[in-house]
Amino acid sequence: MFQPEVMLLLVILAVLGTPAFSANDYHGTTTGTPFCTSMPEGKNLTAVRMYVRNSVIMGIQVEHDGNQDVVNGYAEGTPVVLTLSDDEHVLWVFGTYRTYIQQIVLYTSRPRDQYFGSLKGPNEFSDYPQNADHVLKGFCGFYVRGGLRAIKFVWGSASGTCTE
């Protein structure tokens, strides 16, 4: 027998039990063309290049061992590059967005930081790995003609893959 009040109670309990935040959440709006980058097994980021135009991140390109990946988004604007030393890794990320991703700051184990874009967006985000032994292995996101709309950071162990 169907009991609407029982179903309503189950729906309310399901909503209340759902976490409001997940480590897999994107920062920004997930519309446009999706992309993902990551390092081959056993490889680490050696450089990150972001293209910035009018305070908007237009595209991202990663590099490992001198091998450049494709540009995800658009190679338009000023390229800003973070080149990592052999034993250096990205451990933490900060950024802002409005309609597009406005700024990303990568903090490394050296310690040092690299700013991409400018602090313009009203929405701030911070991201870091759940496991203290993990480092930045790549990016996922969405882009449209005007720039990056959303970004997610992929973390994994320095000697392994990002799927651990």
Protein backbone atom coordinates (compact mmCIF):
# COMPACT_ATOMS: atom_id res chain seq x y z
CA MET A 1 0.00 0.00 0.00
CA PHE A 2 1.40 3.44 -1.00
CA GLN A 3 1.82 5.85 1.92
CA PRO A 4 2.78 9.38 0.78
CA GLU A 5 3.77 10.53 4.28
CA VAL A 6 6.29 7.66 4.59
CA MET A 7 7.74 8.46 1.16
CA LEU A 8 8.03 12.14 2.09
CA LEU A 9 9.85 11.22 5.30
CA LEU A 10 12.28 9.00 3.36
CA VAL A 11 12.99 11.79 0.88
CA ILE A 12 13.64 14.29 3.69
CA LEU A 13 15.98 11.86 5.45
CA ALA A 14 17.85 11.16 2.20
CA VAL A 15 18.36 14.89 1.55
CA LEU A 16 19.52 15.55 5.12
CA GLY A 17 21.96 12.64 4.94
CA THR A 18 23.55 13.81 1.69
CA PRO A 19 26.84 15.68 2.17
CA ALA A 20 26.83 19.27 0.99
CA PHE A 21 30.44 19.07 -0.22
CA SER A 22 32.40 16.41 -2.00
CA ALA A 23 36.13 16.41 -2.74
CA ASN A 24 35.15 15.67 -6.35
CA ASP A 25 33.15 18.89 -6.73
CA TYR A 26 33.96 21.34 -9.48
CA HIS A 27 34.63 24.98 -8.69
CA GLY A 28 32.49 27.07 -11.04
CA THR A 29 29.69 26.17 -13.46
CA THR A 30 29.88 22.81 -15.23
CA THR A 31 28.75 23.93 -18.68
CA GLY A 32 30.63 23.83 -21.96
CA THR A 33 33.23 21.42 -23.29
CA PRO A 34 34.61 19.03 -20.66
CA PHE A 35 38.31 18.16 -20.38
CA CYS A 36 40.65 16.21 -18.12
CA THR A 37 44.42 16.05 -17.93
CA SER A 38 46.53 13.70 -15.86
CA MET A 39 50.02 12.35 -15.75
CA PRO A 40 51.02 8.93 -17.08
CA GLU A 41 51.65 6.34 -14.39
CA GLY A 42 54.80 7.12 -12.41
CA LYS A 43 55.12 10.62 -13.92
CA ASN A 44 54.65 13.96 -12.19
CA LEU A 45 53.86 17.48 -13.31
CA THR A 46 56.98 19.32 -14.39
CA ALA A 47 55.19 22.47 -15.60
CA VAL A 48 51.77 24.10 -15.74
CA ARG A 49 50.96 26.76 -18.33
CA MET A 50 47.78 28.82 -18.12
CA TYR A 51 46.66 31.35 -20.69
CA VAL A 52 45.15 34.51 -19.17
CA ARG A 53 43.15 37.13 -21.09
CA ASN A 54 41.32 40.04 -19.45
CA SER A 55 41.51 38.47 -15.96
CA VAL A 56 40.04 35.17 -17.19
CA ILE A 57 41.82 31.81 -17.40
CA MET A 58 41.38 30.83 -21.07
CA GLY A 59 43.27 27.53 -21.18
CA ILE A 60 45.49 25.08 -19.29
CA GLN A 61 48.42 23.00 -20.54
CA VAL A 62 50.39 20.55 -18.41
CA GLU A 63 53.84 19.09 -18.96
CA HIS A 64 55.73 16.07 -17.68
CA ASP A 65 59.38 15.31 -18.42
CA GLY A 66 59.45 17.90 -21.21
CA ASN A 67 56.35 16.45 -22.92
CA GLN A 68 53.62 19.05 -23.32
CA ASP A 69 49.99 17.98 -23.30
CA VAL A 70 47.42 19.70 -25.53
CA VAL A 71 45.96 23.05 -24.48
CA ASN A 72 42.61 22.48 -22.81
CA GLY A 73 40.52 25.54 -23.55
CA TYR A 74 42.14 28.25 -25.68
CA ALA A 75 45.78 29.32 -26.07
CA GLU A 76 44.77 32.98 -26.07
CA GLY A 77 46.12 35.75 -23.91
CA THR A 78 49.30 35.84 -21.89
CA PRO A 79 50.87 32.47 -21.07
CA VAL A 80 51.91 32.19 -17.42
CA VAL A 81 54.14 29.22 -16.57
CA LEU A 82 55.04 27.42 -13.36
CA THR A 83 58.07 25.18 -13.90
CA LEU A 84 58.64 22.68 -11.09
CA SER A 85 62.01 21.36 -9.99
CA ASP A 86 62.63 17.60 -9.87
CA ASP A 87 61.53 17.13 -6.27
CA GLU A 88 58.86 19.88 -6.21
CA HIS A 89 55.10 19.23 -6.22
CA VAL A 90 51.90 21.28 -6.03
CA LEU A 91 50.32 20.68 -2.61
CA TRP A 92 47.52 23.24 -2.38
CA VAL A 93 45.39 25.42 -4.66
CA PHE A 94 43.42 28.64 -4.18
CA GLY A 95 41.26 30.43 -6.72
CA THR A 96 38.36 32.71 -7.54
CA TYR A 97 35.56 32.71 -10.10
CA ARG A 98 32.53 34.63 -11.23
CA THR A 99 31.18 33.64 -14.63
CA TYR A 100 34.62 32.28 -15.53
CA ILE A 101 37.63 31.12 -13.53
CA GLN A 102 39.42 34.39 -12.72
CA GLN A 103 42.42 33.25 -10.70
CA ILE A 104 44.26 30.10 -9.72
CA VAL A 105 47.19 30.08 -7.29
CA LEU A 106 49.34 26.95 -7.06
CA TYR A 107 51.33 26.44 -3.84
CA THR A 108 54.30 24.08 -4.02
CA SER A 109 56.41 22.00 -1.65
CA ARG A 110 59.41 24.30 -2.13
CA PRO A 111 57.53 26.41 -0.70
CA ARG A 112 56.57 28.99 -3.30
CA ASP A 113 53.48 30.00 -5.23
CA GLN A 114 52.48 30.98 -8.76
CA TYR A 115 49.52 33.25 -9.53
CA PHE A 116 47.54 32.77 -12.74
CA GLY A 117 45.00 35.54 -13.45
CA SER A 118 43.88 38.20 -11.00
CA LEU A 119 41.80 38.25 -7.85
CA LYS A 120 38.51 39.42 -9.36
CA GLY A 121 35.81 36.83 -8.67
CA PRO A 122 33.52 37.03 -5.64
CA ASN A 123 33.57 33.24 -5.20
CA GLU A 124 36.70 31.79 -3.61
CA PHE A 125 37.77 28.17 -3.43
CA SER A 126 40.59 26.18 -1.92
CA ASP A 127 41.56 22.63 -2.77
CA TYR A 128 44.11 20.14 -1.45
CA PRO A 129 44.45 16.35 -1.33
CA GLN A 130 42.67 14.32 1.33
CA ASN A 131 45.81 12.21 1.75
CA ALA A 132 48.89 14.14 2.95
CA ASP A 133 51.14 12.03 0.68
CA HIS A 134 49.28 13.09 -2.48
CA VAL A 135 50.19 15.86 -4.92
CA LEU A 136 48.54 17.57 -7.88
CA LYS A 137 48.45 15.20 -10.85
CA GLY A 138 46.15 17.06 -13.24
CA PHE A 139 43.03 19.12 -13.88
CA CYS A 140 39.49 18.52 -15.06
CA GLY A 141 37.11 21.24 -16.09
CA PHE A 142 34.74 22.84 -18.55
CA TYR A 143 35.42 25.66 -21.00
CA VAL A 144 33.50 27.83 -23.44
CA ARG A 145 34.67 30.44 -25.91
CA GLY A 146 34.93 33.08 -23.14
CA GLY A 147 37.20 31.00 -20.87
CA LEU A 148 37.23 28.26 -18.27
CA ARG A 149 33.85 27.85 -16.57
CA ALA A 150 34.74 25.22 -13.96
CA ILE A 151 37.79 23.45 -12.60
CA LYS A 152 38.52 20.40 -10.49
CA PHE A 153 41.93 19.30 -9.25
CA VAL A 154 43.13 15.70 -9.55
CA TRP A 155 45.33 14.44 -6.71
CA GLY A 156 47.43 11.27 -6.45
CA SER A 157 50.65 9.93 -4.97
CA ALA A 158 53.88 11.36 -6.35
CA SER A 159 55.08 7.94 -7.48
CA GLY A 160 51.73 6.57 -8.62
CA THR A 161 48.65 7.50 -10.61
CA CYS A 162 45.82 9.88 -9.92
CA THR A 163 43.35 6.97 -9.72
CA GLU A 164 44.66 5.52 -6.44
